[in-house]
Amino acid sequence: EEIEAAGIKPVKKEFLVDLVEYLPNKYPHDKLEGLWILDSSTIAVANDNDFAINVENNQLVQKKLPGTDSIDDDVIYVIKLPKSLR
């Protein structure tokens, strides 16, 4: 009530899309870094590849996508939402 009395409107959240299931080849990275709202039915997300490095046995090694030999590159995914944000 204090927040609303101060004229602050709390944000609401609603589940829109499961990125792991929705994206091609599912979502192979371990975490997201950014989210952009492009328009009322389109968002973009970027992965966090930790500069494409890992530490194994106190050594820096190239970060690979889980279960593959592919380097974990930076990727921006543009996603059409199943329903509008409005």
C-alpha atoms as a PDB file:
ATOM      1  CA  GLU A   1       0.000   0.000   0.000  1.00  0.00           C
ATOM      2  CA  GLU A   2       2.875   2.408   0.712  1.00  0.00           C
ATOM      3  CA  ILE A   3       4.188   1.993  -2.808  1.00  0.00           C
ATOM      4  CA  GLU A   4       0.826   2.765  -4.387  1.00  0.00           C
ATOM      5  CA  ALA A   5       0.280   5.684  -1.979  1.00  0.00           C
ATOM      6  CA  ALA A   6       3.586   7.102  -3.226  1.00  0.00           C
ATOM      7  CA  GLY A   7       2.241   6.985  -6.786  1.00  0.00           C
ATOM      8  CA  ILE A   8       4.355   3.996  -7.818  1.00  0.00           C
ATOM      9  CA  LYS A   9       2.579   1.354  -9.860  1.00  0.00           C
ATOM     10  CA  PRO A  10       4.208  -2.072  -9.321  1.00  0.00           C
ATOM     11  CA  VAL A  11       4.883  -4.107 -12.441  1.00  0.00           C
ATOM     12  CA  LYS A  12       2.989  -7.294 -13.140  1.00  0.00           C
ATOM     13  CA  LYS A  13       4.423 -10.385 -14.735  1.00  0.00           C
ATOM     14  CA  GLU A  14       2.830 -12.990 -16.933  1.00  0.00           C
ATOM     15  CA  PHE A  15       4.293 -16.123 -18.513  1.00  0.00           C
ATOM     16  CA  LEU A  16       4.524 -15.600 -22.286  1.00  0.00           C
ATOM     17  CA  VAL A  17       6.903 -18.105 -23.821  1.00  0.00           C
ATOM     18  CA  ASP A  18       9.207 -20.946 -22.766  1.00  0.00           C
ATOM     19  CA  LEU A  19      12.408 -20.033 -24.610  1.00  0.00           C
ATOM     20  CA  VAL A  20      13.938 -23.457 -24.068  1.00  0.00           C
ATOM     21  CA  GLU A  21      11.068 -25.065 -25.968  1.00  0.00           C
ATOM     22  CA  TYR A  22      10.239 -22.246 -28.402  1.00  0.00           C
ATOM     23  CA  LEU A  23      13.616 -21.525 -30.016  1.00  0.00           C
ATOM     24  CA  PRO A  24      15.071 -23.648 -32.812  1.00  0.00           C
ATOM     25  CA  ASN A  25      17.281 -26.384 -31.346  1.00  0.00           C
ATOM     26  CA  LYS A  26      15.793 -25.356 -28.006  1.00  0.00           C
ATOM     27  CA  TYR A  27      17.979 -22.893 -26.037  1.00  0.00           C
ATOM     28  CA  PRO A  28      21.469 -24.423 -25.910  1.00  0.00           C
ATOM     29  CA  HIS A  29      23.108 -21.792 -23.676  1.00  0.00           C
ATOM     30  CA  ASP A  30      23.200 -21.816 -19.899  1.00  0.00           C
ATOM     31  CA  LYS A  31      21.710 -18.347 -19.298  1.00  0.00           C
ATOM     32  CA  LEU A  32      20.253 -15.194 -20.825  1.00  0.00           C
ATOM     33  CA  GLU A  33      21.998 -11.830 -20.699  1.00  0.00           C
ATOM     34  CA  GLY A  34      19.531  -9.385 -22.202  1.00  0.00           C
ATOM     35  CA  LEU A  35      15.912  -8.873 -23.189  1.00  0.00           C
ATOM     36  CA  TRP A  36      14.548  -6.237 -25.580  1.00  0.00           C
ATOM     37  CA  ILE A  37      10.944  -5.459 -26.418  1.00  0.00           C
ATOM     38  CA  LEU A  38      10.953  -4.644 -30.138  1.00  0.00           C
ATOM     39  CA  ASP A  39       7.202  -4.161 -30.526  1.00  0.00           C
ATOM     40  CA  SER A  40       3.981  -5.461 -28.977  1.00  0.00           C
ATOM     41  CA  SER A  41       4.478  -8.964 -30.372  1.00  0.00           C
ATOM     42  CA  THR A  42       8.248  -9.274 -30.812  1.00  0.00           C
ATOM     43  CA  ILE A  43      11.086  -9.586 -28.312  1.00  0.00           C
ATOM     44  CA  ALA A  44      14.799 -10.233 -28.667  1.00  0.00           C
ATOM     45  CA  VAL A  45      17.018 -12.086 -26.208  1.00  0.00           C
ATOM     46  CA  ALA A  46      20.780 -12.514 -26.039  1.00  0.00           C
ATOM     47  CA  ASN A  47      22.746 -15.270 -24.403  1.00  0.00           C
ATOM     48  CA  ASP A  48      25.578 -14.762 -21.922  1.00  0.00           C
ATOM     49  CA  ASN A  49      28.546 -16.792 -23.109  1.00  0.00           C
ATOM     50  CA  ASP A  50      30.962 -15.574 -20.395  1.00  0.00           C
ATOM     51  CA  PHE A  51      33.403 -14.354 -23.069  1.00  0.00           C
ATOM     52  CA  ALA A  52      33.363 -17.918 -24.449  1.00  0.00           C
ATOM     53  CA  ILE A  53      35.759 -19.153 -21.766  1.00  0.00           C
ATOM     54  CA  ASN A  54      35.547 -21.615 -18.890  1.00  0.00           C
ATOM     55  CA  VAL A  55      38.023 -22.689 -16.251  1.00  0.00           C
ATOM     56  CA  GLU A  56      38.877 -26.383 -16.014  1.00  0.00           C
ATOM     57  CA  ASN A  57      41.657 -27.685 -13.769  1.00  0.00           C
ATOM     58  CA  ASN A  58      42.806 -24.085 -13.154  1.00  0.00           C
ATOM     59  CA  GLN A  59      43.219 -23.533 -16.910  1.00  0.00           C
ATOM     60  CA  LEU A  60      41.238 -21.260 -19.230  1.00  0.00           C
ATOM     61  CA  VAL A  61      39.513 -23.274 -21.935  1.00  0.00           C
ATOM     62  CA  GLN A  62      37.165 -22.469 -24.803  1.00  0.00           C
ATOM     63  CA  LYS A  63      33.535 -22.571 -23.647  1.00  0.00           C
ATOM     64  CA  LYS A  64      31.519 -25.138 -25.613  1.00  0.00           C
ATOM     65  CA  LEU A  65      27.774 -25.631 -25.836  1.00  0.00           C
ATOM     66  CA  PRO A  66      26.692 -28.474 -23.544  1.00  0.00           C
ATOM     67  CA  GLY A  67      26.929 -31.882 -25.206  1.00  0.00           C
ATOM     68  CA  THR A  68      28.618 -30.517 -28.346  1.00  0.00           C
ATOM     69  CA  ASP A  69      31.992 -29.447 -29.660  1.00  0.00           C
ATOM     70  CA  SER A  70      30.556 -26.083 -30.803  1.00  0.00           C
ATOM     71  CA  ILE A  71      31.884 -22.835 -29.345  1.00  0.00           C
ATOM     72  CA  ASP A  72      29.308 -20.949 -27.263  1.00  0.00           C
ATOM     73  CA  ASP A  73      29.095 -17.760 -29.363  1.00  0.00           C
ATOM     74  CA  ASP A  74      27.069 -14.634 -28.643  1.00  0.00           C
ATOM     75  CA  VAL A  75      23.651 -14.928 -30.272  1.00  0.00           C
ATOM     76  CA  ILE A  76      20.666 -12.579 -30.422  1.00  0.00           C
ATOM     77  CA  TYR A  77      17.348 -14.357 -30.951  1.00  0.00           C
ATOM     78  CA  VAL A  78      14.341 -12.438 -32.320  1.00  0.00           C
ATOM     79  CA  ILE A  79      11.098 -14.072 -31.197  1.00  0.00           C
ATOM     80  CA  LYS A  80       7.527 -13.525 -32.384  1.00  0.00           C
ATOM     81  CA  LEU A  81       5.381 -14.002 -29.301  1.00  0.00           C
ATOM     82  CA  PRO A  82       2.353 -16.293 -29.393  1.00  0.00           C
ATOM     83  CA  LYS A  83       0.266 -13.368 -28.083  1.00  0.00           C
ATOM     84  CA  SER A  84       0.658  -9.605 -27.929  1.00  0.00           C
ATOM     85  CA  LEU A  85       2.139  -7.814 -24.927  1.00  0.00           C
ATOM     86  CA  ARG A  86      -0.817  -5.405 -24.980  1.00  0.00           C
END
